[in-house]
mmCIF file of all heavy atoms, coordinates in Angstrom:
data_MODEL
# 
_entry.id   MODEL 
# 
loop_
_atom_site.group_PDB 
_atom_site.id 
_atom_site.type_symbol 
_atom_site.label_atom_id 
_atom_site.label_alt_id 
_atom_site.label_comp_id 
_atom_site.label_asym_id 
_atom_site.label_entity_id 
_atom_site.label_seq_id 
_atom_site.pdbx_PDB_ins_code 
_atom_site.Cartn_x 
_atom_site.Cartn_y 
_atom_site.Cartn_z 
_atom_site.occupancy 
_atom_site.B_iso_or_equiv 
_atom_site.pdbx_formal_charge 
_atom_site.auth_seq_id 
_atom_site.auth_comp_id 
_atom_site.auth_asym_id 
_atom_site.auth_atom_id 
_atom_site.pdbx_PDB_model_num 
ATOM 1   N N   . THR A 1 1  ? -21.648 -6.937  4.852  1.00 0.00 ? 1  THR A N   1 
ATOM 2   C CA  . THR A 1 1  ? -21.850 -5.701  5.621  1.00 0.00 ? 1  THR A CA  1 
ATOM 3   C C   . THR A 1 1  ? -20.804 -5.502  6.707  1.00 0.00 ? 1  THR A C   1 
ATOM 4   O O   . THR A 1 1  ? -20.886 -4.541  7.464  1.00 0.00 ? 1  THR A O   1 
ATOM 5   C CB  . THR A 1 1  ? -23.253 -5.706  6.270  1.00 0.00 ? 1  THR A CB  1 
ATOM 6   O OG1 . THR A 1 1  ? -23.355 -6.821  7.148  1.00 0.00 ? 1  THR A OG1 1 
ATOM 7   C CG2 . THR A 1 1  ? -24.344 -5.761  5.207  1.00 0.00 ? 1  THR A CG2 1 
ATOM 8   N N   . THR A 1 2  ? -19.824 -6.398  6.802  1.00 0.00 ? 2  THR A N   1 
ATOM 9   C CA  . THR A 1 2  ? -18.823 -6.293  7.865  1.00 0.00 ? 2  THR A CA  1 
ATOM 10  C C   . THR A 1 2  ? -17.645 -5.419  7.441  1.00 0.00 ? 2  THR A C   1 
ATOM 11  O O   . THR A 1 2  ? -17.374 -5.248  6.245  1.00 0.00 ? 2  THR A O   1 
ATOM 12  C CB  . THR A 1 2  ? -18.287 -7.678  8.273  1.00 0.00 ? 2  THR A CB  1 
ATOM 13  O OG1 . THR A 1 2  ? -17.609 -8.255  7.158  1.00 0.00 ? 2  THR A OG1 1 
ATOM 14  C CG2 . THR A 1 2  ? -19.402 -8.583  8.742  1.00 0.00 ? 2  THR A CG2 1 
ATOM 15  N N   . GLN A 1 3  ? -16.952 -4.876  8.423  1.00 0.00 ? 3  GLN A N   1 
ATOM 16  C CA  . GLN A 1 3  ? -15.765 -4.069  8.145  1.00 0.00 ? 3  GLN A CA  1 
ATOM 17  C C   . GLN A 1 3  ? -14.683 -4.910  7.494  1.00 0.00 ? 3  GLN A C   1 
ATOM 18  O O   . GLN A 1 3  ? -13.952 -4.433  6.625  1.00 0.00 ? 3  GLN A O   1 
ATOM 19  C CB  . GLN A 1 3  ? -15.230 -3.455  9.440  1.00 0.00 ? 3  GLN A CB  1 
ATOM 20  C CG  . GLN A 1 3  ? -16.114 -2.393  10.027 1.00 0.00 ? 3  GLN A CG  1 
ATOM 21  C CD  . GLN A 1 3  ? -15.561 -1.871  11.334 1.00 0.00 ? 3  GLN A CD  1 
ATOM 22  O OE1 . GLN A 1 3  ? -14.553 -2.341  11.851 1.00 0.00 ? 3  GLN A OE1 1 
ATOM 23  N NE2 . GLN A 1 3  ? -16.235 -0.864  11.888 1.00 0.00 ? 3  GLN A NE2 1 
ATOM 24  N N   . TRP A 1 4  ? -14.531 -6.152  7.921  1.00 0.00 ? 4  TRP A N   1 
ATOM 25  C CA  . TRP A 1 4  ? -13.505 -7.028  7.347  1.00 0.00 ? 4  TRP A CA  1 
ATOM 26  C C   . TRP A 1 4  ? -13.715 -7.201  5.856  1.00 0.00 ? 4  TRP A C   1 
ATOM 27  O O   . TRP A 1 4  ? -12.771 -7.108  5.067  1.00 0.00 ? 4  TRP A O   1 
ATOM 28  C CB  . TRP A 1 4  ? -13.536 -8.384  8.056  1.00 0.00 ? 4  TRP A CB  1 
ATOM 29  C CG  . TRP A 1 4  ? -12.548 -9.360  7.494  1.00 0.00 ? 4  TRP A CG  1 
ATOM 30  C CD1 . TRP A 1 4  ? -11.222 -9.450  7.791  1.00 0.00 ? 4  TRP A CD1 1 
ATOM 31  C CD2 . TRP A 1 4  ? -12.803 -10.382 6.525  1.00 0.00 ? 4  TRP A CD2 1 
ATOM 32  N NE1 . TRP A 1 4  ? -10.636 -10.459 7.066  1.00 0.00 ? 4  TRP A NE1 1 
ATOM 33  C CE2 . TRP A 1 4  ? -11.598 -11.053 6.284  1.00 0.00 ? 4  TRP A CE2 1 
ATOM 34  C CE3 . TRP A 1 4  ? -13.944 -10.785 5.839  1.00 0.00 ? 4  TRP A CE3 1 
ATOM 35  C CZ2 . TRP A 1 4  ? -11.490 -12.104 5.388  1.00 0.00 ? 4  TRP A CZ2 1 
ATOM 36  C CZ3 . TRP A 1 4  ? -13.835 -11.840 4.957  1.00 0.00 ? 4  TRP A CZ3 1 
ATOM 37  C CH2 . TRP A 1 4  ? -12.614 -12.481 4.738  1.00 0.00 ? 4  TRP A CH2 1 
ATOM 38  N N   . PHE A 1 5  ? -14.946 -7.444  5.432  1.00 0.00 ? 5  PHE A N   1 
ATOM 39  C CA  . PHE A 1 5  ? -15.256 -7.651  4.019  1.00 0.00 ? 5  PHE A CA  1 
ATOM 40  C C   . PHE A 1 5  ? -14.905 -6.392  3.227  1.00 0.00 ? 5  PHE A C   1 
ATOM 41  O O   . PHE A 1 5  ? -14.287 -6.459  2.165  1.00 0.00 ? 5  PHE A O   1 
ATOM 42  C CB  . PHE A 1 5  ? -16.734 -7.997  3.853  1.00 0.00 ? 5  PHE A CB  1 
ATOM 43  C CG  . PHE A 1 5  ? -17.147 -8.264  2.435  1.00 0.00 ? 5  PHE A CG  1 
ATOM 44  C CD1 . PHE A 1 5  ? -16.980 -9.519  1.887  1.00 0.00 ? 5  PHE A CD1 1 
ATOM 45  C CD2 . PHE A 1 5  ? -17.697 -7.263  1.651  1.00 0.00 ? 5  PHE A CD2 1 
ATOM 46  C CE1 . PHE A 1 5  ? -17.360 -9.780  0.580  1.00 0.00 ? 5  PHE A CE1 1 
ATOM 47  C CE2 . PHE A 1 5  ? -18.081 -7.509  0.347  1.00 0.00 ? 5  PHE A CE2 1 
ATOM 48  C CZ  . PHE A 1 5  ? -17.909 -8.773  -0.192 1.00 0.00 ? 5  PHE A CZ  1 
ATOM 49  N N   . ASN A 1 6  ? -15.293 -5.237  3.751  1.00 0.00 ? 6  ASN A N   1 
ATOM 50  C CA  . ASN A 1 6  ? -15.028 -3.977  3.053  1.00 0.00 ? 6  ASN A CA  1 
ATOM 51  C C   . ASN A 1 6  ? -13.542 -3.627  3.035  1.00 0.00 ? 6  ASN A C   1 
ATOM 52  O O   . ASN A 1 6  ? -13.048 -3.037  2.083  1.00 0.00 ? 6  ASN A O   1 
ATOM 53  C CB  . ASN A 1 6  ? -15.838 -2.844  3.682  1.00 0.00 ? 6  ASN A CB  1 
ATOM 54  C CG  . ASN A 1 6  ? -17.326 -3.063  3.506  1.00 0.00 ? 6  ASN A CG  1 
ATOM 55  O OD1 . ASN A 1 6  ? -17.774 -3.636  2.521  1.00 0.00 ? 6  ASN A OD1 1 
ATOM 56  N ND2 . ASN A 1 6  ? -18.108 -2.620  4.480  1.00 0.00 ? 6  ASN A ND2 1 
ATOM 57  N N   . SER A 1 7  ? -12.818 -3.987  4.104  1.00 0.00 ? 7  SER A N   1 
ATOM 58  C CA  . SER A 1 7  ? -11.396 -3.636  4.172  1.00 0.00 ? 7  SER A CA  1 
ATOM 59  C C   . SER A 1 7  ? -10.537 -4.543  3.285  1.00 0.00 ? 7  SER A C   1 
ATOM 60  O O   . SER A 1 7  ? -9.511  -4.106  2.777  1.00 0.00 ? 7  SER A O   1 
ATOM 61  C CB  . SER A 1 7  ? -10.890 -3.687  5.612  1.00 0.00 ? 7  SER A CB  1 
ATOM 62  O OG  . SER A 1 7  ? -10.908 -5.006  6.088  1.00 0.00 ? 7  SER A OG  1 
ATOM 63  N N   . THR A 1 8  ? -10.935 -5.807  3.116  1.00 0.00 ? 8  THR A N   1 
ATOM 64  C CA  . THR A 1 8  ? -10.123 -6.705  2.281  1.00 0.00 ? 8  THR A CA  1 
ATOM 65  C C   . THR A 1 8  ? -10.301 -6.387  0.804  1.00 0.00 ? 8  THR A C   1 
ATOM 66  O O   . THR A 1 8  ? -9.361  -6.523  0.031  1.00 0.00 ? 8  THR A O   1 
ATOM 67  C CB  . THR A 1 8  ? -10.471 -8.181  2.525  1.00 0.00 ? 8  THR A CB  1 
ATOM 68  O OG1 . THR A 1 8  ? -11.854 -8.382  2.266  1.00 0.00 ? 8  THR A OG1 1 
ATOM 69  C CG2 . THR A 1 8  ? -10.120 -8.602  3.931  1.00 0.00 ? 8  THR A CG2 1 
ATOM 70  N N   . GLY A 1 9  ? -11.492 -6.013  0.405  1.00 0.00 ? 9  GLY A N   1 
ATOM 71  C CA  . GLY A 1 9  ? -11.739 -5.634  -0.980 1.00 0.00 ? 9  GLY A CA  1 
ATOM 72  C C   . GLY A 1 9  ? -11.599 -6.762  -1.986 1.00 0.00 ? 9  GLY A C   1 
ATOM 73  O O   . GLY A 1 9  ? -11.546 -6.515  -3.184 1.00 0.00 ? 9  GLY A O   1 
ATOM 74  N N   . ASN A 1 10 ? -11.529 -8.008  -1.529 1.00 0.00 ? 10 ASN A N   1 
ATOM 75  C CA  . ASN A 1 10 ? -11.370 -9.122  -2.476 1.00 0.00 ? 10 ASN A CA  1 
ATOM 76  C C   . ASN A 1 10 ? -12.668 -9.883  -2.727 1.00 0.00 ? 10 ASN A C   1 
ATOM 77  O O   . ASN A 1 10 ? -12.649 -10.960 -3.291 1.00 0.00 ? 10 ASN A O   1 
ATOM 78  C CB  . ASN A 1 10 ? -10.259 -10.066 -2.022 1.00 0.00 ? 10 ASN A CB  1 
ATOM 79  C CG  . ASN A 1 10 ? -10.542 -10.686 -0.664 1.00 0.00 ? 10 ASN A CG  1 
ATOM 80  O OD1 . ASN A 1 10 ? -11.598 -10.460 -0.075 1.00 0.00 ? 10 ASN A OD1 1 
ATOM 81  N ND2 . ASN A 1 10 ? -9.599  -11.472 -0.172 1.00 0.00 ? 10 ASN A ND2 1 
ATOM 82  N N   . ASN A 1 11 ? -13.782 -9.328  -2.278 1.00 0.00 ? 11 ASN A N   1 
ATOM 83  C CA  . ASN A 1 11 ? -15.099 -9.897  -2.538 1.00 0.00 ? 11 ASN A CA  1 
ATOM 84  C C   . ASN A 1 11 ? -15.191 -11.369 -2.118 1.00 0.00 ? 11 ASN A C   1 
ATOM 85  O O   . ASN A 1 11 ? -15.671 -12.209 -2.858 1.00 0.00 ? 11 ASN A O   1 
ATOM 86  C CB  . ASN A 1 11 ? -15.462 -9.734  -4.015 1.00 0.00 ? 11 ASN A CB  1 
ATOM 87  C CG  . ASN A 1 11 ? -16.960 -9.808  -4.245 1.00 0.00 ? 11 ASN A CG  1 
ATOM 88  O OD1 . ASN A 1 11 ? -17.738 -9.453  -3.371 1.00 0.00 ? 11 ASN A OD1 1 
ATOM 89  N ND2 . ASN A 1 11 ? -17.363 -10.265 -5.405 1.00 0.00 ? 11 ASN A ND2 1 
ATOM 90  N N   . SER A 1 12 ? -14.686 -11.658 -0.912 1.00 0.00 ? 12 SER A N   1 
ATOM 91  C CA  . SER A 1 12 ? -14.729 -13.032 -0.421 1.00 0.00 ? 12 SER A CA  1 
ATOM 92  C C   . SER A 1 12 ? -15.056 -13.045 1.068  1.00 0.00 ? 12 SER A C   1 
ATOM 93  O O   . SER A 1 12 ? -14.982 -12.028 1.751  1.00 0.00 ? 12 SER A O   1 
ATOM 94  C CB  . SER A 1 12 ? -13.397 -13.743 -0.673 1.00 0.00 ? 12 SER A CB  1 
ATOM 95  O OG  . SER A 1 12 ? -12.387 -13.155 0.094  1.00 0.00 ? 12 SER A OG  1 
ATOM 96  N N   . VAL A 1 13 ? -15.418 -14.222 1.533  1.00 0.00 ? 13 VAL A N   1 
ATOM 97  C CA  . VAL A 1 13 ? -15.718 -14.451 2.942  1.00 0.00 ? 13 VAL A CA  1 
ATOM 98  C C   . VAL A 1 13 ? -14.567 -15.248 3.545  1.00 0.00 ? 13 VAL A C   1 
ATOM 99  O O   . VAL A 1 13 ? -13.723 -15.772 2.807  1.00 0.00 ? 13 VAL A O   1 
ATOM 100 C CB  . VAL A 1 13 ? -17.064 -15.194 3.104  1.00 0.00 ? 13 VAL A CB  1 
ATOM 101 C CG1 . VAL A 1 13 ? -18.216 -14.339 2.604  1.00 0.00 ? 13 VAL A CG1 1 
ATOM 102 C CG2 . VAL A 1 13 ? -17.044 -16.529 2.391  1.00 0.00 ? 13 VAL A CG2 1 
ATOM 103 N N   . PRO A 1 14 ? -14.493 -15.392 4.866  1.00 0.00 ? 14 PRO A N   1 
ATOM 104 C CA  . PRO A 1 14 ? -13.399 -16.168 5.467  1.00 0.00 ? 14 PRO A CA  1 
ATOM 105 C C   . PRO A 1 14 ? -13.375 -17.618 4.982  1.00 0.00 ? 14 PRO A C   1 
ATOM 106 O O   . PRO A 1 14 ? -14.409 -18.179 4.605  1.00 0.00 ? 14 PRO A O   1 
ATOM 107 C CB  . PRO A 1 14 ? -13.708 -16.107 6.968  1.00 0.00 ? 14 PRO A CB  1 
ATOM 108 C CG  . PRO A 1 14 ? -14.542 -14.893 7.133  1.00 0.00 ? 14 PRO A CG  1 
ATOM 109 C CD  . PRO A 1 14 ? -15.337 -14.765 5.876  1.00 0.00 ? 14 PRO A CD  1 
ATOM 110 N N   . GLN A 1 15 ? -12.207 -18.223 5.016  1.00 0.00 ? 15 GLN A N   1 
ATOM 111 C CA  . GLN A 1 15 ? -12.035 -19.611 4.583  1.00 0.00 ? 15 GLN A CA  1 
ATOM 112 C C   . GLN A 1 15 ? -12.878 -20.575 5.406  1.00 0.00 ? 15 GLN A C   1 
ATOM 113 O O   . GLN A 1 15 ? -13.225 -21.654 4.933  1.00 0.00 ? 15 GLN A O   1 
ATOM 114 C CB  . GLN A 1 15 ? -10.555 -20.008 4.679  1.00 0.00 ? 15 GLN A CB  1 
ATOM 115 C CG  . GLN A 1 15 ? -9.671  -19.287 3.699  1.00 0.00 ? 15 GLN A CG  1 
ATOM 116 C CD  . GLN A 1 15 ? -9.883  -19.772 2.275  1.00 0.00 ? 15 GLN A CD  1 
ATOM 117 O OE1 . GLN A 1 15 ? -10.073 -20.954 2.044  1.00 0.00 ? 15 GLN A OE1 1 
ATOM 118 N NE2 . GLN A 1 15 ? -9.868  -18.850 1.338  1.00 0.00 ? 15 GLN A NE2 1 
ATOM 119 N N   . SER A 1 16 ? -13.216 -20.182 6.632  1.00 0.00 ? 16 SER A N   1 
ATOM 120 C CA  . SER A 1 16 ? -14.023 -21.065 7.475  1.00 0.00 ? 16 SER A CA  1 
ATOM 121 C C   . SER A 1 16 ? -15.435 -21.243 6.946  1.00 0.00 ? 16 SER A C   1 
ATOM 122 O O   . SER A 1 16 ? -16.162 -22.132 7.384  1.00 0.00 ? 16 SER A O   1 
ATOM 123 C CB  . SER A 1 16 ? -14.063 -20.539 8.912  1.00 0.00 ? 16 SER A CB  1 
ATOM 124 O OG  . SER A 1 16 ? -14.617 -19.242 8.961  1.00 0.00 ? 16 SER A OG  1 
ATOM 125 N N   . CYS A 1 17 ? -15.829 -20.420 5.978  1.00 0.00 ? 17 CYS A N   1 
ATOM 126 C CA  . CYS A 1 17 ? -17.150 -20.563 5.354  1.00 0.00 ? 17 CYS A CA  1 
ATOM 127 C C   . CYS A 1 17 ? -17.175 -21.660 4.303  1.00 0.00 ? 17 CYS A C   1 
ATOM 128 O O   . CYS A 1 17 ? -18.237 -22.088 3.879  1.00 0.00 ? 17 CYS A O   1 
ATOM 129 C CB  . CYS A 1 17 ? -17.567 -19.252 4.698  1.00 0.00 ? 17 CYS A CB  1 
ATOM 130 S SG  . CYS A 1 17 ? -18.165 -18.006 5.843  1.00 0.00 ? 17 CYS A SG  1 
ATOM 131 N N   . CYS A 1 18 ? -16.010 -22.097 3.849  1.00 0.00 ? 18 CYS A N   1 
ATOM 132 C CA  . CYS A 1 18 ? -15.944 -23.098 2.784  1.00 0.00 ? 18 CYS A CA  1 
ATOM 133 C C   . CYS A 1 18 ? -16.437 -24.453 3.270  1.00 0.00 ? 18 CYS A C   1 
ATOM 134 O O   . CYS A 1 18 ? -16.182 -24.853 4.400  1.00 0.00 ? 18 CYS A O   1 
ATOM 135 C CB  . CYS A 1 18 ? -14.505 -23.236 2.296  1.00 0.00 ? 18 CYS A CB  1 
ATOM 136 S SG  . CYS A 1 18 ? -13.885 -21.776 1.443  1.00 0.00 ? 18 CYS A SG  1 
ATOM 137 N N   . GLN A 1 19 ? -17.130 -25.154 2.382  1.00 0.00 ? 19 GLN A N   1 
ATOM 138 C CA  . GLN A 1 19 ? -17.559 -26.514 2.690  1.00 0.00 ? 19 GLN A CA  1 
ATOM 139 C C   . GLN A 1 19 ? -16.336 -27.403 2.778  1.00 0.00 ? 19 GLN A C   1 
ATOM 140 O O   . GLN A 1 19 ? -15.347 -27.197 2.071  1.00 0.00 ? 19 GLN A O   1 
ATOM 141 C CB  . GLN A 1 19 ? -18.488 -27.034 1.604  1.00 0.00 ? 19 GLN A CB  1 
ATOM 142 C CG  . GLN A 1 19 ? -19.815 -26.336 1.547  1.00 0.00 ? 19 GLN A CG  1 
ATOM 143 C CD  . GLN A 1 19 ? -20.718 -26.910 0.470  1.00 0.00 ? 19 GLN A CD  1 
ATOM 144 O OE1 . GLN A 1 19 ? -20.456 -27.975 -0.087 1.00 0.00 ? 19 GLN A OE1 1 
ATOM 145 N NE2 . GLN A 1 19 ? -21.789 -26.203 0.165  1.00 0.00 ? 19 GLN A NE2 1 
ATOM 146 N N   . GLN A 1 20 ? -16.401 -28.411 3.622  1.00 0.00 ? 20 GLN A N   1 
ATOM 147 C CA  . GLN A 1 20 ? -15.262 -29.306 3.798  1.00 0.00 ? 20 GLN A CA  1 
ATOM 148 C C   . GLN A 1 20 ? -14.946 -30.087 2.527  1.00 0.00 ? 20 GLN A C   1 
ATOM 149 O O   . GLN A 1 20 ? -13.798 -30.418 2.267  1.00 0.00 ? 20 GLN A O   1 
ATOM 150 C CB  . GLN A 1 20 ? -15.516 -30.272 4.954  1.00 0.00 ? 20 GLN A CB  1 
ATOM 151 C CG  . GLN A 1 20 ? -15.534 -29.591 6.292  1.00 0.00 ? 20 GLN A CG  1 
ATOM 152 C CD  . GLN A 1 20 ? -15.853 -30.540 7.430  1.00 0.00 ? 20 GLN A CD  1 
ATOM 153 O OE1 . GLN A 1 20 ? -16.344 -31.635 7.233  1.00 0.00 ? 20 GLN A OE1 1 
ATOM 154 N NE2 . GLN A 1 20 ? -15.578 -30.093 8.645  1.00 0.00 ? 20 GLN A NE2 1 
ATOM 155 N N   . GLU A 1 21 ? -15.961 -30.371 1.725  1.00 0.00 ? 21 GLU A N   1 
ATOM 156 C CA  . GLU A 1 21 ? -15.754 -31.123 0.490  1.00 0.00 ? 21 GLU A CA  1 
ATOM 157 C C   . GLU A 1 21 ? -15.106 -30.284 -0.602 1.00 0.00 ? 21 GLU A C   1 
ATOM 158 O O   . GLU A 1 21 ? -14.521 -30.815 -1.530 1.00 0.00 ? 21 GLU A O   1 
ATOM 159 C CB  . GLU A 1 21 ? -17.091 -31.671 -0.045 1.00 0.00 ? 21 GLU A CB  1 
ATOM 160 C CG  . GLU A 1 21 ? -17.837 -32.565 0.918  1.00 0.00 ? 21 GLU A CG  1 
ATOM 161 C CD  . GLU A 1 21 ? -18.700 -31.785 1.905  1.00 0.00 ? 21 GLU A CD  1 
ATOM 162 O OE1 . GLU A 1 21 ? -19.211 -30.704 1.551  1.00 0.00 ? 21 GLU A OE1 1 
ATOM 163 O OE2 . GLU A 1 21 ? -18.826 -32.247 3.042  1.00 0.00 ? 21 GLU A OE2 1 
ATOM 164 N N   . ALA A 1 22 ? -15.245 -28.952 -0.506 1.00 0.00 ? 22 ALA A N   1 
ATOM 165 C CA  . ALA A 1 22 ? -14.707 -28.066 -1.541 1.00 0.00 ? 22 ALA A CA  1 
ATOM 166 C C   . ALA A 1 22 ? -13.198 -27.949 -1.360 1.00 0.00 ? 22 ALA A C   1 
ATOM 167 O O   . ALA A 1 22 ? -12.722 -27.324 -0.422 1.00 0.00 ? 22 ALA A O   1 
ATOM 168 C CB  . ALA A 1 22 ? -15.377 -26.699 -1.465 1.00 0.00 ? 22 ALA A CB  1 
ATOM 169 N N   . LYS A 1 23 ? -12.452 -28.551 -2.258 1.00 0.00 ? 23 LYS A N   1 
ATOM 170 C CA  . LYS A 1 23 ? -10.999 -28.615 -2.121 1.00 0.00 ? 23 LYS A CA  1 
ATOM 171 C C   . LYS A 1 23 ? -10.313 -27.292 -2.469 1.00 0.00 ? 23 LYS A C   1 
ATOM 172 O O   . LYS A 1 23 ? -9.358  -26.901 -1.826 1.00 0.00 ? 23 LYS A O   1 
ATOM 173 C CB  . LYS A 1 23 ? -10.456 -29.729 -3.011 1.00 0.00 ? 23 LYS A CB  1 
ATOM 174 C CG  . LYS A 1 23 ? -11.060 -31.084 -2.708 1.00 0.00 ? 23 LYS A CG  1 
ATOM 175 C CD  . LYS A 1 23 ? -10.010 -32.067 -2.299 1.00 0.00 ? 23 LYS A CD  1 
ATOM 176 C CE  . LYS A 1 23 ? -10.555 -33.457 -2.130 1.00 0.00 ? 23 LYS A CE  1 
ATOM 177 N NZ  . LYS A 1 23 ? -11.329 -33.656 -0.964 1.00 0.00 ? 23 LYS A NZ  1 
ATOM 178 N N   . ASN A 1 24 ? -10.771 -26.594 -3.476 1.00 0.00 ? 24 ASN A N   1 
ATOM 179 C CA  . ASN A 1 24 ? -10.111 -25.372 -3.947 1.00 0.00 ? 24 ASN A CA  1 
ATOM 180 C C   . ASN A 1 24 ? -10.935 -24.124 -3.618 1.00 0.00 ? 24 ASN A C   1 
ATOM 181 O O   . ASN A 1 24 ? -10.917 -23.150 -4.369 1.00 0.00 ? 24 ASN A O   1 
ATOM 182 C CB  . ASN A 1 24 ? -9.854  -25.449 -5.459 1.00 0.00 ? 24 ASN A CB  1 
ATOM 183 C CG  . ASN A 1 24 ? -8.920  -26.583 -5.799 1.00 0.00 ? 24 ASN A CG  1 
ATOM 184 O OD1 . ASN A 1 24 ? -7.996  -26.877 -5.048 1.00 0.00 ? 24 ASN A OD1 1 
ATOM 185 N ND2 . ASN A 1 24 ? -9.159  -27.228 -6.935 1.00 0.00 ? 24 ASN A ND2 1 
# 
């Protein structure tokens, strides 16, 4: 629902949301 999500259009969240164990 954020402007950033809608403006990027790549259907993703910031990298800071990634788990530390998830390498890729």
